[in-house]
């Protein structure tokens, strides 16, 4: 482990050493998401685009479940490394890897069993059901591989292997992008083809991570020999992992709620929002990368009780993240027509999508505040505060916002709901930080 990077290197150098590989991974993930959307949109079939948009929350669910063991495990393990308890960290990494695999198998079985009611719940109708079902079925079959891939990608960063974590993600994304045009267009598999490419990409990512851990890692393991874990240790992982997972689960809920509230206005609105959500990932994934890329650095110094360095890290994180959010907001808002047109050069879809995308950008600075605060709570093991933020921005607060705004302002209220939720959640984040962790690190 590069202890000097955790303990002594200038904050900006340490921060970017951890965060930039995560951001690059996020950008590549963004690119392959856009490639998926591009090739699907090129079919010119609005119902197919809408069907994939309806099935998309299922993929987000897989990420959420992987985060239980990836982010939950890395939070605990990074603090153990800060306390010089390396062997304990290794034991917990074994638990995280195999529990994620078992979780994926169970999820695949359950979601296949209840496929039809889940698709109806997500908003599939007679016109979109076939396409949504195709995408859903393949993604669910790949659940074990998808969920597992998000565990070692997080655990490796606790040992300082941020670049290896990035390489695994990039490998899977490149394979996905290469296979997309083959399965979607050349073989004519449409929505199912996009899902097949995604699953194969994740399998390749998993194989790389297992090889790297076996060949290079000294403090992370997939060897179950002599494994043991206590109920208290499991509780520590789940206490952080579940709130981390809920963040992505709430994203799925937010997407599903948005689609449901847009349905009365037509499938073209749902299709446009599906494209807007993909474009909006430019902002969200970059901000998530910079916020959560610093998680091992924050967790290590919190575990080592190095308050001065921790405060310096947090000041840098908040300042940089908010500045980045402002820049991205301006760029995406100005480029909205061109970006949406890349995916579907339909004048009506562009006209619908531009105000949608600009509304999404209004709250980005507030999103930055929420992300850094959530990451800090997770890194420090503050499960209650992490949970409250996790269920708010695209969960409880968003549900209340879209319900009230849609009733008061109709279609415009549906579009404004996310920005309203972002502002309110940021206020909650500042309040929780000032009344909790701020007092502890002063």
Protein backbone atom coordinates (compact mmCIF):
# COMPACT_ATOMS: atom_id res chain seq x y z
CA UNK A 1 0.00 0.00 0.00
CA UNK A 2 1.26 3.47 -0.81
CA UNK A 3 1.05 4.77 2.76
CA UNK A 4 2.82 8.01 1.82
CA UNK A 5 0.01 8.82 -0.59
CA UNK A 6 -2.55 8.36 2.21
CA UNK A 7 -0.59 10.09 4.95
CA UNK A 8 1.93 12.61 3.64
CA UNK A 9 1.47 13.55 -0.03
CA UNK A 10 0.01 17.00 -0.81
CA UNK A 11 -3.77 16.80 -0.63
CA UNK A 12 -4.33 17.75 -4.27
CA UNK A 13 -1.85 15.10 -5.44
CA UNK A 14 -3.37 12.37 -3.24
CA UNK A 15 -6.89 13.40 -4.18
CA UNK A 16 -6.31 13.29 -7.93
CA UNK A 17 -4.31 10.04 -7.65
CA UNK A 18 -7.42 8.37 -6.26
CA UNK A 19 -10.16 10.36 -7.98
CA UNK A 20 -8.92 10.63 -11.58
CA UNK A 21 -8.89 6.87 -12.27
CA UNK A 22 -12.44 6.68 -10.91
CA UNK A 23 -13.50 9.61 -13.08
CA UNK A 24 -11.91 8.03 -16.15
CA UNK A 25 -13.82 4.85 -15.34
CA UNK A 26 -17.02 6.86 -15.03
CA UNK A 27 -16.39 8.64 -18.32
CA UNK A 28 -15.82 5.36 -20.12
CA UNK A 29 -18.99 3.99 -18.52
CA UNK A 30 -20.75 7.11 -19.74
CA UNK A 31 -19.43 6.62 -23.26
CA UNK A 32 -20.63 3.03 -23.47
CA UNK A 33 -24.02 4.04 -22.06
CA UNK A 34 -24.24 6.63 -24.82
CA UNK A 35 -23.13 4.10 -27.42
CA UNK A 36 -25.95 1.83 -26.24
CA UNK A 37 -28.41 4.69 -26.52
CA UNK A 38 -27.02 5.78 -29.89
CA UNK A 39 -27.36 2.39 -31.57
CA UNK A 40 -30.78 1.79 -30.04
CA UNK A 41 -31.98 5.25 -31.10
CA UNK A 42 -30.68 4.66 -34.63
CA UNK A 43 -33.38 2.04 -35.09
CA UNK A 44 -35.79 4.97 -35.27
CA UNK A 45 -38.24 2.97 -33.15
CA UNK A 46 -39.56 5.23 -30.37
CA UNK A 47 -41.20 2.32 -28.58
CA UNK A 48 -37.91 0.39 -28.56
CA UNK A 49 -36.09 3.40 -27.06
CA UNK A 50 -38.85 3.81 -24.49
CA UNK A 51 -38.78 0.07 -23.69
CA UNK A 52 -35.05 0.14 -22.94
CA UNK A 53 -35.57 3.29 -20.83
CA UNK A 54 -38.22 1.44 -18.84
CA UNK A 55 -35.87 -1.52 -18.30
CA UNK A 56 -32.87 0.67 -17.41
CA UNK A 57 -33.68 0.90 -13.66
CA UNK A 58 -33.01 -2.84 -13.43
CA UNK A 59 -29.37 -2.31 -14.41
CA UNK A 60 -29.16 0.46 -11.81
CA UNK A 61 -30.52 -2.03 -9.27
CA UNK A 62 -27.61 -4.36 -10.06
CA UNK A 63 -25.13 -1.55 -9.44
CA UNK A 64 -26.87 -0.78 -6.16
CA UNK A 65 -26.55 -4.36 -4.94
CA UNK A 66 -22.88 -4.48 -5.92
CA UNK A 67 -22.34 -1.29 -3.92
CA UNK A 68 -23.55 -2.99 -0.74
CA UNK A 69 -20.39 -5.07 -0.70
CA UNK A 70 -18.16 -2.77 -2.76
CA UNK A 71 -18.71 0.59 -1.07
CA UNK A 72 -19.72 -0.95 2.27
CA UNK A 73 -16.67 -3.19 2.31
CA UNK A 74 -14.25 -0.49 1.12
CA UNK A 75 -15.47 1.89 3.83
CA UNK A 76 -14.72 -0.60 6.61
CA UNK A 77 -11.54 -1.92 4.99
CA UNK A 78 -10.02 1.53 4.38
CA UNK A 79 -10.53 2.41 8.05
CA UNK A 80 -8.93 -0.90 9.08
CA UNK A 81 -5.94 -0.13 6.86
CA UNK A 82 -5.69 3.29 8.53
CA UNK A 83 -5.50 1.46 11.87
CA UNK A 84 -2.83 -0.92 10.43
CA UNK A 85 -5.17 -3.95 10.71
CA UNK A 86 -4.32 -5.34 7.27
CA UNK A 87 -5.20 -8.99 7.93
CA UNK A 88 -8.68 -8.04 9.08
CA UNK A 89 -9.18 -6.03 5.91
CA UNK A 90 -8.18 -9.04 3.80
CA UNK A 91 -10.70 -11.30 5.58
CA UNK A 92 -13.51 -8.85 4.94
CA UNK A 93 -12.61 -8.56 1.25
CA UNK A 94 -13.19 -12.32 0.82
CA UNK A 95 -16.62 -12.02 2.42
CA UNK A 96 -17.58 -9.12 0.16
CA UNK A 97 -16.60 -10.90 -3.05
CA UNK A 98 -18.42 -14.18 -2.46
CA UNK A 99 -21.48 -12.63 -0.86
CA UNK A 100 -21.88 -10.39 -3.91
CA UNK A 101 -21.77 -13.48 -6.15
CA UNK A 102 -24.41 -15.31 -4.10
CA UNK A 103 -26.57 -12.19 -4.03
CA UNK A 104 -26.44 -12.01 -7.84
CA UNK A 105 -27.62 -15.60 -8.23
CA UNK A 106 -30.55 -15.07 -5.87
CA UNK A 107 -31.55 -11.80 -7.56
CA UNK A 108 -31.51 -13.42 -11.00
CA UNK A 109 -33.81 -16.22 -9.87
CA UNK A 110 -36.30 -13.93 -8.11
CA UNK A 111 -36.49 -11.33 -10.87
CA UNK A 112 -37.02 -13.92 -13.58
CA UNK A 113 -39.85 -15.41 -11.55
CA UNK A 114 -41.62 -12.05 -11.21
CA UNK A 115 -40.70 -10.60 -14.61
CA UNK A 116 -44.16 -9.58 -15.83
CA UNK A 117 -45.41 -7.79 -12.68
CA UNK A 118 -42.09 -5.96 -12.32
CA UNK A 119 -42.23 -4.74 -15.93
CA UNK A 120 -45.80 -3.52 -15.45
CA UNK A 121 -44.71 -1.74 -12.26
CA UNK A 122 -41.91 -0.02 -14.19
CA UNK A 123 -44.43 1.34 -16.67
CA UNK A 124 -44.29 -1.04 -19.64
CA UNK A 125 -47.46 -0.94 -21.75
CA UNK A 126 -48.70 -2.88 -24.79
CA UNK A 127 -46.44 -0.91 -27.15
CA UNK A 128 -43.22 -1.16 -25.11
CA UNK A 129 -43.60 -4.48 -23.29
CA UNK A 130 -41.82 -6.62 -25.91
CA UNK A 131 -38.73 -4.42 -25.99
CA UNK A 132 -38.63 -3.83 -22.23
CA UNK A 133 -38.96 -7.58 -21.62
CA UNK A 134 -36.10 -8.42 -24.00
CA UNK A 135 -33.72 -6.00 -22.30
CA UNK A 136 -34.89 -6.97 -18.80
CA UNK A 137 -34.50 -10.73 -19.30
CA UNK A 138 -30.88 -10.62 -20.50
CA UNK A 139 -29.79 -8.09 -17.87
CA UNK A 140 -31.36 -10.21 -15.12
CA UNK A 141 -29.61 -13.36 -16.37
CA UNK A 142 -26.34 -11.46 -16.12
CA UNK A 143 -27.03 -10.24 -12.57
CA UNK A 144 -24.29 -12.33 -10.86
CA UNK A 145 -21.61 -10.95 -13.18
CA UNK A 146 -22.85 -7.36 -13.02
CA UNK A 147 -23.18 -7.29 -9.23
CA UNK A 148 -19.77 -8.90 -8.65
CA UNK A 149 -17.98 -6.43 -10.93
CA UNK A 150 -18.83 -3.50 -8.64
CA UNK A 151 -17.27 -5.16 -5.58
CA UNK A 152 -13.54 -5.60 -6.39
CA UNK A 153 -13.56 -2.35 -8.36
CA UNK A 154 -14.17 -0.56 -5.05
CA UNK A 155 -12.09 -2.85 -2.81
CA UNK A 156 -8.92 -2.50 -4.90
CA UNK A 157 -8.88 1.26 -4.34
CA UNK A 158 -8.49 0.76 -0.59
CA UNK A 159 -5.08 -0.77 -1.31
CA UNK A 160 -4.11 2.11 -3.57
CA UNK A 161 -4.84 0.24 -6.82
CA UNK A 162 -7.08 2.94 -8.28
CA UNK A 163 -5.55 2.49 -11.75
CA UNK A 164 -6.23 -1.27 -11.77
CA UNK A 165 -9.81 -0.56 -10.76
CA UNK A 166 -10.06 1.83 -13.70
CA UNK A 167 -8.55 -0.67 -16.15
CA UNK A 168 -11.12 -3.31 -15.25
CA UNK A 169 -13.99 -0.91 -15.84
CA UNK A 170 -12.52 0.38 -19.11
CA UNK A 171 -11.92 -3.17 -20.37
CA UNK A 172 -15.56 -4.13 -19.87
CA UNK A 173 -16.80 -0.88 -21.39
CA UNK A 174 -14.65 -1.20 -24.52
CA UNK A 175 -15.81 -4.77 -25.09
CA UNK A 176 -19.39 -3.59 -24.64
CA UNK A 177 -18.94 -0.80 -27.20
CA UNK A 178 -17.34 -3.14 -29.74
CA UNK A 179 -20.17 -5.66 -29.36
CA UNK A 180 -23.03 -3.11 -29.42
CA UNK A 181 -23.18 -2.54 -33.19
CA UNK A 182 -22.73 -6.27 -33.80
CA UNK A 183 -25.60 -7.40 -31.57
CA UNK A 184 -27.94 -4.41 -31.92
CA UNK A 185 -27.58 -3.65 -35.63
CA UNK A 186 -25.70 -6.37 -37.53
CA UNK A 187 -27.54 -9.25 -35.87
CA UNK A 188 -30.74 -7.23 -35.51
CA UNK A 189 -31.25 -8.14 -31.83
CA UNK A 190 -32.25 -4.60 -30.79
CA UNK A 191 -32.86 -4.20 -27.07
CA UNK A 192 -31.73 -7.77 -26.32
CA UNK A 193 -28.49 -7.11 -28.21
CA UNK A 194 -27.67 -4.08 -26.06
CA UNK A 195 -28.21 -6.17 -22.92
CA UNK A 196 -26.09 -9.08 -24.21
CA UNK A 197 -23.18 -6.73 -24.93
CA UNK A 198 -23.47 -5.26 -21.42
CA UNK A 199 -23.40 -8.68 -19.74
CA UNK A 200 -20.40 -9.91 -21.75
CA UNK A 201 -18.52 -6.73 -20.91
CA UNK A 202 -19.12 -7.29 -17.20
CA UNK A 203 -17.94 -10.90 -17.41
CA UNK A 204 -14.64 -9.72 -18.90
CA UNK A 205 -14.32 -7.12 -16.14
CA UNK A 206 -14.81 -9.81 -13.50
CA UNK A 207 -12.14 -12.02 -15.03
CA UNK A 208 -9.63 -9.16 -15.04
CA UNK A 209 -10.28 -8.31 -11.38
CA UNK A 210 -9.90 -11.90 -10.22
CA UNK A 211 -6.62 -12.21 -12.13
CA UNK A 212 -5.28 -8.94 -10.72
CA UNK A 213 -6.18 -9.81 -7.12
CA UNK A 214 -4.54 -13.24 -7.42
CA UNK A 215 -1.41 -11.91 -9.14
CA UNK A 216 -0.79 -8.46 -7.65
CA UNK A 217 -2.75 -7.75 -4.49
CA UNK A 218 -1.33 -8.37 -1.01
CA UNK A 219 -4.17 -7.03 1.12
CA UNK A 220 -7.29 -7.94 -0.93
CA UNK A 221 -8.19 -11.61 -1.52
CA UNK A 222 -10.65 -13.98 -3.20
CA UNK A 223 -9.20 -17.06 -1.48
CA UNK A 224 -11.82 -18.53 0.89
CA UNK A 225 -9.33 -20.82 2.67
CA UNK A 226 -9.43 -20.27 6.43
CA UNK A 227 -12.08 -17.59 6.04
CA UNK A 228 -13.92 -16.31 9.12
CA UNK A 229 -16.04 -13.28 9.91
CA UNK A 230 -18.01 -12.09 12.93
CA UNK A 231 -21.59 -10.87 12.97
CA UNK A 232 -20.33 -7.48 14.16
CA UNK A 233 -18.09 -7.17 11.09
CA UNK A 234 -20.96 -8.12 8.80
CA UNK A 235 -23.05 -5.49 10.52
CA UNK A 236 -20.39 -2.82 9.92
CA UNK A 237 -20.27 -3.61 6.19
CA UNK A 238 -24.04 -3.64 5.81
CA UNK A 239 -24.48 -0.49 7.91
CA UNK A 240 -22.59 1.47 5.25
CA UNK A 241 -23.22 -0.75 2.23
CA UNK A 242 -27.01 -0.66 2.45
CA UNK A 243 -27.23 3.16 2.51
CA UNK A 244 -24.72 3.24 -0.37
CA UNK A 245 -26.86 0.74 -2.22
CA UNK A 246 -30.01 2.71 -1.50
CA UNK A 247 -28.50 5.68 -3.33
CA UNK A 248 -28.61 3.65 -6.55
CA UNK A 249 -31.90 2.01 -5.68
CA UNK A 250 -33.35 5.48 -5.27
CA UNK A 251 -31.96 6.35 -8.69
CA UNK A 252 -33.94 3.44 -10.08
CA UNK A 253 -37.00 4.67 -8.18
CA UNK A 254 -36.46 8.20 -9.47
CA UNK A 255 -36.22 6.98 -13.06
CA UNK A 256 -39.30 4.81 -12.67
CA UNK A 257 -41.32 7.62 -11.04
CA UNK A 258 -40.31 10.06 -13.76
CA UNK A 259 -41.37 7.62 -16.47
CA UNK A 260 -44.69 6.97 -14.75
CA UNK A 261 -45.46 10.69 -14.41
CA UNK A 262 -44.48 11.30 -18.05
CA UNK A 263 -46.60 8.46 -19.47
CA UNK A 264 -49.84 10.52 -19.59
CA UNK A 265 -48.03 12.97 -21.87
CA UNK A 266 -47.02 10.25 -24.39
CA UNK A 267 -44.30 7.69 -25.08
CA UNK A 268 -42.34 10.34 -26.99
CA UNK A 269 -41.83 12.12 -23.64
CA UNK A 270 -40.62 8.88 -22.06
CA UNK A 271 -38.26 8.27 -24.98
CA UNK A 272 -36.91 11.84 -24.79
CA UNK A 273 -36.35 11.54 -21.04
CA UNK A 274 -34.50 8.26 -21.59
CA UNK A 275 -32.05 10.10 -23.85
CA UNK A 276 -31.86 13.06 -21.45
CA UNK A 277 -31.04 10.73 -18.55
CA UNK A 278 -28.15 9.31 -20.55
CA UNK A 279 -26.82 12.77 -21.42
CA UNK A 280 -27.26 13.88 -17.81
CA UNK A 281 -24.89 11.08 -16.80
CA UNK A 282 -22.13 13.33 -18.12
CA UNK A 283 -22.64 15.52 -15.07
CA UNK A 284 -23.62 12.86 -12.56
CA UNK A 285 -20.89 10.31 -13.29
CA UNK A 286 -18.09 12.88 -13.32
CA UNK A 287 -19.31 14.32 -10.02
CA UNK A 288 -19.72 10.86 -8.50
CA UNK A 289 -16.22 9.94 -9.67
CA UNK A 290 -14.58 12.96 -8.07
CA UNK A 291 -16.63 12.63 -4.86
CA UNK A 292 -16.31 8.90 -4.26
CA UNK A 293 -12.84 8.60 -5.75
CA UNK A 294 -11.60 10.20 -2.53
CA UNK A 295 -13.37 7.63 -0.33
CA UNK A 296 -10.26 5.55 0.54
CA UNK A 297 -8.34 8.74 1.37
CA UNK A 298 -11.09 10.05 3.65
CA UNK A 299 -11.67 6.65 5.30
CA UNK A 300 -7.96 6.01 5.89
CA UNK A 301 -7.36 9.37 7.58
CA UNK A 302 -10.57 9.11 9.60
CA UNK A 303 -9.47 5.67 10.83
CA UNK A 304 -5.98 7.03 11.60
CA UNK A 305 -7.60 9.97 13.50
CA UNK A 306 -5.56 12.47 11.46
CA UNK A 307 -8.02 15.36 11.89
CA UNK A 308 -5.94 18.11 10.34
CA UNK A 309 -5.33 16.20 7.13
CA UNK A 310 -8.96 15.07 7.03
CA UNK A 311 -10.20 18.68 7.27
CA UNK A 312 -7.83 19.74 4.51
CA UNK A 313 -9.06 16.90 2.30
CA UNK A 314 -12.71 17.82 2.86
CA UNK A 315 -12.14 21.52 2.11
CA UNK A 316 -10.49 20.59 -1.16
CA UNK A 317 -13.23 18.07 -2.06
CA UNK A 318 -16.12 20.49 -1.54
CA UNK A 319 -14.41 23.35 -3.36
CA UNK A 320 -13.33 21.33 -6.35
CA UNK A 321 -16.61 19.39 -6.66
CA UNK A 322 -18.82 22.49 -6.62
CA UNK A 323 -16.60 24.26 -9.16
CA UNK A 324 -16.73 21.23 -11.45
CA UNK A 325 -20.53 21.09 -11.13
CA UNK A 326 -20.87 24.73 -12.18
CA UNK A 327 -18.69 24.25 -15.28
CA UNK A 328 -20.51 21.09 -16.37
CA UNK A 329 -23.90 22.74 -15.89
CA UNK A 330 -23.04 25.60 -18.24
CA UNK A 331 -21.56 23.31 -20.90
CA UNK A 332 -24.44 20.81 -20.95
CA UNK A 333 -27.11 23.50 -20.89
CA UNK A 334 -25.60 25.31 -23.88
CA UNK A 335 -24.97 22.08 -25.80
CA UNK A 336 -28.37 20.50 -25.03
CA UNK A 337 -29.84 20.59 -28.58
CA UNK A 338 -26.71 19.15 -30.18
CA UNK A 339 -26.26 16.44 -27.56
CA UNK A 340 -29.83 15.19 -27.81
CA UNK A 341 -29.69 15.39 -31.60
CA UNK A 342 -26.69 13.05 -31.65
CA UNK A 343 -28.83 10.25 -30.28
CA UNK A 344 -32.08 10.91 -32.11
CA UNK A 345 -32.04 13.60 -34.82
CA UNK A 346 -35.79 14.00 -34.60
CA UNK A 347 -36.93 17.63 -34.37
CA UNK A 348 -39.82 16.82 -32.03
CA UNK A 349 -37.65 14.71 -29.68
CA UNK A 350 -35.01 17.49 -29.55
CA UNK A 351 -37.69 20.08 -28.81
CA UNK A 352 -39.03 17.94 -25.98
CA UNK A 353 -35.62 16.94 -24.62
CA UNK A 354 -33.85 20.33 -24.44
CA UNK A 355 -35.97 21.81 -21.60
CA UNK A 356 -35.83 18.42 -19.84
CA UNK A 357 -32.02 18.43 -19.87
CA UNK A 358 -31.73 22.06 -18.80
CA UNK A 359 -34.09 21.46 -15.90
CA UNK A 360 -31.90 18.55 -14.80
CA UNK A 361 -28.84 20.83 -14.74
CA UNK A 362 -30.33 23.46 -12.42
CA UNK A 363 -29.53 21.47 -9.29
CA UNK A 364 -26.04 20.20 -10.16
CA UNK A 365 -24.12 22.34 -7.62
CA UNK A 366 -26.47 21.08 -4.92
CA UNK A 367 -25.92 17.52 -6.15
CA UNK A 368 -22.17 18.09 -5.67
CA UNK A 369 -22.72 19.05 -2.03
CA UNK A 370 -24.88 15.98 -1.44
CA UNK A 371 -22.36 13.62 -3.07
CA UNK A 372 -19.32 14.80 -1.11
CA UNK A 373 -21.27 14.76 2.15
CA UNK A 374 -22.66 11.28 1.49
CA UNK A 375 -19.18 9.99 0.64
CA UNK A 376 -17.80 11.50 3.85
CA UNK A 377 -20.48 9.89 5.98
CA UNK A 378 -19.90 6.51 4.33
CA UNK A 379 -16.12 6.77 4.72
CA UNK A 380 -16.44 7.64 8.40
CA UNK A 381 -18.94 4.86 9.11
CA UNK A 382 -21.80 7.27 9.86
CA UNK A 383 -24.50 4.91 8.69
CA UNK A 384 -27.54 6.87 9.94
CA UNK A 385 -26.59 10.11 8.20
CA UNK A 386 -25.53 8.25 5.05
CA UNK A 387 -28.88 6.46 5.05
CA UNK A 388 -30.87 9.70 5.39
CA UNK A 389 -29.13 11.24 2.39
CA UNK A 390 -29.37 8.02 0.40
CA UNK A 391 -33.16 7.86 0.67
CA UNK A 392 -33.70 11.56 0.00
CA UNK A 393 -32.48 13.04 -3.30
CA UNK A 394 -34.14 10.52 -5.65
CA UNK A 395 -36.24 8.83 -3.00
CA UNK A 396 -38.48 10.36 -0.35
CA UNK A 397 -37.81 14.03 -1.14
CA UNK A 398 -37.99 13.43 -4.88
CA UNK A 399 -41.24 11.45 -4.59
CA UNK A 400 -42.81 14.28 -2.59
CA UNK A 401 -41.46 16.88 -5.01
CA UNK A 402 -42.75 15.20 -8.17
CA UNK A 403 -46.13 14.50 -6.58
CA UNK A 404 -46.70 18.09 -5.47
CA UNK A 405 -45.03 19.79 -8.44
CA UNK A 406 -46.95 17.71 -10.98
CA UNK A 407 -50.25 18.53 -9.29
CA UNK A 408 -49.46 22.23 -9.06
CA UNK A 409 -47.68 22.79 -12.39
CA UNK A 410 -48.49 19.73 -14.49
CA UNK A 411 -45.87 18.74 -17.08
CA UNK A 412 -43.50 21.56 -16.07
CA UNK A 413 -43.72 20.38 -12.47
CA UNK A 414 -42.63 16.88 -13.49
CA UNK A 415 -39.55 18.34 -15.20
CA UNK A 416 -38.70 20.64 -12.25
CA UNK A 417 -39.10 17.97 -9.56
CA UNK A 418 -35.47 16.77 -9.65
CA UNK A 419 -34.02 20.27 -9.25
CA UNK A 420 -36.36 20.95 -6.32
CA UNK A 421 -35.28 17.70 -4.70
CA UNK A 422 -31.58 18.52 -5.25
CA UNK A 423 -31.87 21.83 -3.39
CA UNK A 424 -33.80 20.38 -0.46
CA UNK A 425 -31.43 17.41 -0.11
CA UNK A 426 -28.38 19.71 -0.09
CA UNK A 427 -29.94 21.69 2.77
CA UNK A 428 -30.44 18.42 4.65
CA UNK A 429 -26.82 17.39 3.94
CA UNK A 430 -25.39 20.63 5.33
CA UNK A 431 -27.54 20.34 8.44
CA UNK A 432 -26.52 16.73 9.12
CA UNK A 433 -22.82 17.52 8.62
CA UNK A 434 -22.82 20.56 10.91
CA UNK A 435 -24.66 18.77 13.69
CA UNK A 436 -22.63 15.57 13.45
CA UNK A 437 -19.28 15.03 11.81
CA UNK A 438 -18.21 18.70 11.91
CA UNK A 439 -18.14 18.68 15.70
CA UNK A 440 -16.24 15.38 15.75
CA UNK A 441 -13.35 16.47 13.53
CA UNK A 442 -12.89 19.96 14.99
